[in-house]
Structures are given as C-alpha cells and as structure tokens.
Amino acid sequence: MKVSFEHGPVREFDLIVRTDGLHSTVRRLAFGADRNSSNIGSITSLSRTRTRARRGSLGDRVNMPSKMAGIYRSGNHAEAKAYFMFADRSR
C-alpha cells in the first residue's frame, strides 16, 4: 500500500497498523460514523505484560481522583494484564 505523508515522500508498506480511539477521525473514515457509542469522559489503555499474576488473585489497583491503574488476571492462565484510566480533560 502506498502512503503519502504531509512532510515526506510517498512510501510503500506491506502492513499499516494504526491505533486510534473510539471517536477518532481515522476510525470514522475507515468504518463510518458510529452512532451507537458515546464518550464517557475517560481515556483507557489496556496492555499485556510479562508479569505473572498471583494464583487466585483478581488483581491489584490504585485509585486516585481522575486516575486509576491496575494489573489483573484474565482467564485461566497466569499472564497478567495492565490497565490505565484517566479523565479526559479535553472535553
């Protein structure tokens, strides 16, 4: 696929990966307007980790005003997942 850049030459790539938010311009251009979602006022990130969660533990989290972070175990395996949530102050 050929890609043009605002400040650079046209380049060709075999694979292009773009991560964007639920209400992003890129998502709207690719999939059309999503009328079934709403902005709840937070920014969230989920990630796999190299950490192993404690057996039997649902996870640990830290809450502060407008912020939350944690690590949790999902499913029947030891791999842990991390999450971060922040209030979206741009609204």
Protein backbone atom coordinates (compact mmCIF):
# COMPACT_ATOMS: atom_id res chain seq x y z
CA MET A 1 0.00 0.00 0.00
CA LYS A 2 1.34 3.44 -0.90
CA VAL A 3 1.18 6.05 1.82
CA SER A 4 1.64 9.79 1.44
CA PHE A 5 2.87 11.97 4.27
CA GLU A 6 2.34 15.65 4.93
CA HIS A 7 6.08 16.20 5.40
CA GLY A 8 7.86 13.48 3.45
CA PRO A 9 7.92 11.40 0.30
CA VAL A 10 5.38 8.74 -0.64
CA ARG A 11 6.44 5.34 0.73
CA GLU A 12 5.16 1.79 0.26
CA PHE A 13 4.36 -0.63 3.12
CA ASP A 14 3.16 -4.25 3.34
CA LEU A 15 1.28 -3.63 6.58
CA ILE A 16 -0.01 -0.49 8.26
CA VAL A 17 -1.22 -0.55 11.85
CA ARG A 18 -2.92 2.47 13.36
CA THR A 19 -4.31 2.56 16.88
CA ASP A 20 -6.85 5.26 17.45
CA GLY A 21 -9.60 5.98 19.88
CA LEU A 22 -13.24 5.06 19.54
CA HIS A 23 -14.18 8.52 18.26
CA SER A 24 -11.11 9.18 16.12
CA THR A 25 -11.12 10.66 12.65
CA VAL A 26 -9.23 7.63 11.31
CA ARG A 27 -11.88 5.24 12.68
CA ARG A 28 -14.70 7.35 11.23
CA LEU A 29 -13.03 7.47 7.80
CA ALA A 30 -12.40 3.71 7.79
CA PHE A 31 -15.70 2.48 9.25
CA GLY A 32 -18.16 5.38 9.02
CA ALA A 33 -19.90 7.25 11.81
CA ASP A 34 -20.62 5.15 14.90
CA ARG A 35 -23.97 6.25 16.23
CA ASN A 36 -24.13 3.53 18.91
CA SER A 37 -21.26 4.73 21.10
CA SER A 38 -20.76 7.63 23.43
CA ASN A 39 -17.80 9.29 25.09
CA ILE A 40 -17.82 8.52 28.82
CA GLY A 41 -15.11 11.08 29.53
CA SER A 42 -12.13 8.80 30.10
CA ILE A 43 -9.03 7.66 28.28
CA THR A 44 -8.23 3.97 28.76
CA SER A 45 -5.27 1.79 27.86
CA LEU A 46 -5.04 -2.00 28.22
CA SER A 47 -1.83 -3.95 27.75
CA ARG A 48 -0.39 -7.42 28.07
CA THR A 49 2.52 -7.71 30.47
CA ARG A 50 5.40 -10.08 31.07
CA THR A 51 4.31 -10.26 34.70
CA ARG A 52 2.57 -13.28 36.15
CA ALA A 53 -0.48 -12.65 38.29
CA ARG A 54 -0.75 -14.36 41.65
CA ARG A 55 -2.85 -17.50 41.52
CA GLY A 56 -6.31 -16.84 42.91
CA SER A 57 -5.81 -13.09 42.75
CA LEU A 58 -8.26 -10.94 40.81
CA GLY A 59 -5.65 -8.21 40.67
CA ASP A 60 -4.43 -5.04 42.30
CA ARG A 61 -5.36 -1.45 41.54
CA VAL A 62 -4.66 2.08 42.65
CA ASN A 63 -7.40 4.72 42.55
CA MET A 64 -6.81 8.44 42.78
CA PRO A 65 -9.10 11.33 41.79
CA SER A 66 -9.46 11.20 37.99
CA LYS A 67 -6.92 8.34 37.67
CA MET A 68 -6.77 4.57 38.05
CA ALA A 69 -4.15 1.95 37.24
CA GLY A 70 -4.05 -1.74 37.90
CA ILE A 71 -2.96 -5.20 36.96
CA TYR A 72 -5.30 -8.19 36.73
CA ARG A 73 -5.51 -11.80 35.70
CA SER A 74 -7.87 -12.69 32.89
CA GLY A 75 -8.96 -16.22 32.10
CA ASN A 76 -7.39 -19.49 33.17
CA HIS A 77 -3.73 -18.54 32.71
CA ALA A 78 -1.08 -16.71 34.70
CA GLU A 79 -0.42 -13.86 32.27
CA ALA A 80 -1.36 -10.51 33.76
CA LYS A 81 -2.89 -7.53 32.01
CA ALA A 82 -2.32 -3.89 32.95
CA TYR A 83 -4.75 -1.02 32.57
CA PHE A 84 -4.61 2.72 32.96
CA MET A 85 -7.56 5.12 33.04
CA PHE A 86 -7.51 8.92 33.13
CA ALA A 87 -10.19 11.58 33.00
CA ASP A 88 -10.40 13.16 29.55
CA ARG A 89 -9.84 16.82 30.34
CA SER A 90 -10.08 17.85 26.67
CA ARG A 91 -13.88 17.68 26.75
